Amino acid sequence: MPSICQSLAICAGGQLLLAALPDSVGCEDTVTINLQFHKGSIGTIAYFAKGSKGLFKEYVEVHQAGVTAVLKDFKEMSIYGNGRPYSKKLLSQDKGQKEMV
């Protein structure tokens, strides 16, 4: 079974750089992953274990052709681009786990 790093490299079809930052107790649980896709696009995944509990647990930004989508905790999505921003809020969190099992 391939590791997460091998799986990301295969999906990206490009280059993968993975770095874990050391911490005072040796957990190395703050990680950044930089992806370079085969057509020149780039992506960055950052996992910060030491962040404030007051912030969103999951926060995703996607940028493409002058449009930006922001997803917060899989409950709130906003899309910014031409015109007025579009926002949608859900009452419950849906990460798609039920469909995967």
Protein backbone atom coordinates (compact mmCIF):
# COMPACT_ATOMS: atom_id res chain seq x y z
CA MET A 1 0.00 0.00 0.00
CA PRO A 2 1.52 3.38 -0.98
CA SER A 3 2.18 6.06 1.61
CA ILE A 4 0.32 9.39 1.57
CA CYS A 5 3.43 11.00 0.04
CA GLN A 6 3.56 8.46 -2.79
CA SER A 7 -0.17 8.87 -3.38
CA LEU A 8 0.11 12.66 -3.56
CA ALA A 9 3.03 12.44 -5.96
CA ILE A 10 1.09 10.08 -8.24
CA CYS A 11 -2.03 12.28 -8.19
CA ALA A 12 -0.06 15.46 -8.75
CA GLY A 13 1.77 14.08 -11.78
CA GLY A 14 4.61 16.43 -10.91
CA GLN A 15 6.91 17.16 -8.00
CA LEU A 16 6.25 16.83 -4.29
CA LEU A 17 8.11 18.48 -1.42
CA LEU A 18 7.14 17.45 2.11
CA ALA A 19 8.60 19.03 5.24
CA ALA A 20 7.77 18.44 8.92
CA LEU A 21 8.88 21.12 11.34
CA PRO A 22 10.42 19.97 14.62
CA ASP A 23 8.88 21.12 17.88
CA SER A 24 9.95 21.15 21.53
CA VAL A 25 8.50 17.69 22.28
CA GLY A 26 9.62 16.04 19.02
CA CYS A 27 6.16 15.42 17.54
CA GLU A 28 6.94 17.04 14.19
CA ASP A 29 3.19 17.49 13.66
CA THR A 30 3.31 20.79 11.78
CA VAL A 31 3.68 19.94 8.10
CA THR A 32 3.72 21.74 4.77
CA ILE A 33 3.33 19.98 1.45
CA ASN A 34 4.17 21.82 -1.78
CA LEU A 35 2.88 20.34 -5.02
CA GLN A 36 3.87 21.22 -8.57
CA PHE A 37 1.48 19.78 -11.14
CA HIS A 38 2.58 18.66 -14.59
CA LYS A 39 0.93 21.65 -16.37
CA GLY A 40 2.65 24.20 -14.13
CA SER A 41 0.01 24.78 -11.44
CA ILE A 42 1.12 24.72 -7.83
CA GLY A 43 -0.59 23.79 -4.59
CA THR A 44 0.29 24.04 -0.93
CA ILE A 45 -1.18 22.03 1.93
CA ALA A 46 -0.34 23.25 5.43
CA TYR A 47 -1.20 21.40 8.65
CA PHE A 48 -0.62 23.37 11.84
CA ALA A 49 -1.17 21.41 15.05
CA LYS A 50 -0.37 24.27 17.41
CA GLY A 51 -2.97 26.80 16.22
CA SER A 52 -5.61 28.52 18.30
CA LYS A 53 -8.70 26.51 19.22
CA GLY A 54 -10.72 29.64 18.34
CA LEU A 55 -9.96 29.34 14.61
CA PHE A 56 -11.58 27.07 12.06
CA LYS A 57 -10.27 23.52 12.22
CA GLU A 58 -10.31 23.12 8.43
CA TYR A 59 -9.78 26.09 6.12
CA VAL A 60 -9.39 25.71 2.36
CA GLU A 61 -8.72 28.39 -0.28
CA VAL A 62 -8.80 27.68 -4.01
CA HIS A 63 -7.73 30.32 -6.54
CA GLN A 64 -8.26 30.09 -10.30
CA ALA A 65 -8.63 32.67 -13.09
CA GLY A 66 -9.54 35.58 -10.82
CA VAL A 67 -12.02 33.60 -8.71
CA THR A 68 -11.39 32.54 -5.11
CA ALA A 69 -13.40 29.98 -3.12
CA VAL A 70 -13.04 29.76 0.68
CA LEU A 71 -14.31 26.76 2.66
CA LYS A 72 -14.44 26.96 6.46
CA ASP A 73 -14.91 23.79 8.56
CA PHE A 74 -16.84 22.19 5.67
CA LYS A 75 -19.82 24.25 6.86
CA GLU A 76 -19.42 27.64 5.21
CA MET A 77 -18.36 28.44 1.65
CA SER A 78 -17.80 31.81 0.00
CA ILE A 79 -16.91 32.45 -3.64
CA TYR A 80 -15.34 35.76 -4.65
CA GLY A 81 -14.85 36.93 -8.21
CA ASN A 82 -16.68 39.22 -10.55
CA GLY A 83 -19.68 40.81 -8.92
CA ARG A 84 -21.09 40.17 -5.50
CA PRO A 85 -19.62 37.36 -3.35
CA TYR A 86 -21.70 34.17 -3.05
CA SER A 87 -21.95 32.58 0.40
CA LYS A 88 -23.60 29.39 1.64
CA LYS A 89 -23.79 28.14 5.23
CA LEU A 90 -24.79 24.65 6.37
CA LEU A 91 -26.18 23.73 9.78
CA SER A 92 -24.02 20.61 10.02
CA GLN A 93 -20.55 19.64 8.88
CA ASP A 94 -20.32 17.30 5.87
CA LYS A 95 -16.86 15.99 4.97
CA GLY A 96 -18.21 13.17 2.81
CA GLN A 97 -17.11 10.45 5.25
CA LYS A 98 -20.47 8.63 5.30
CA GLU A 99 -20.42 8.20 1.53
CA MET A 100 -16.86 6.82 1.66
CA VAL A 101 -17.62 4.09 4.22
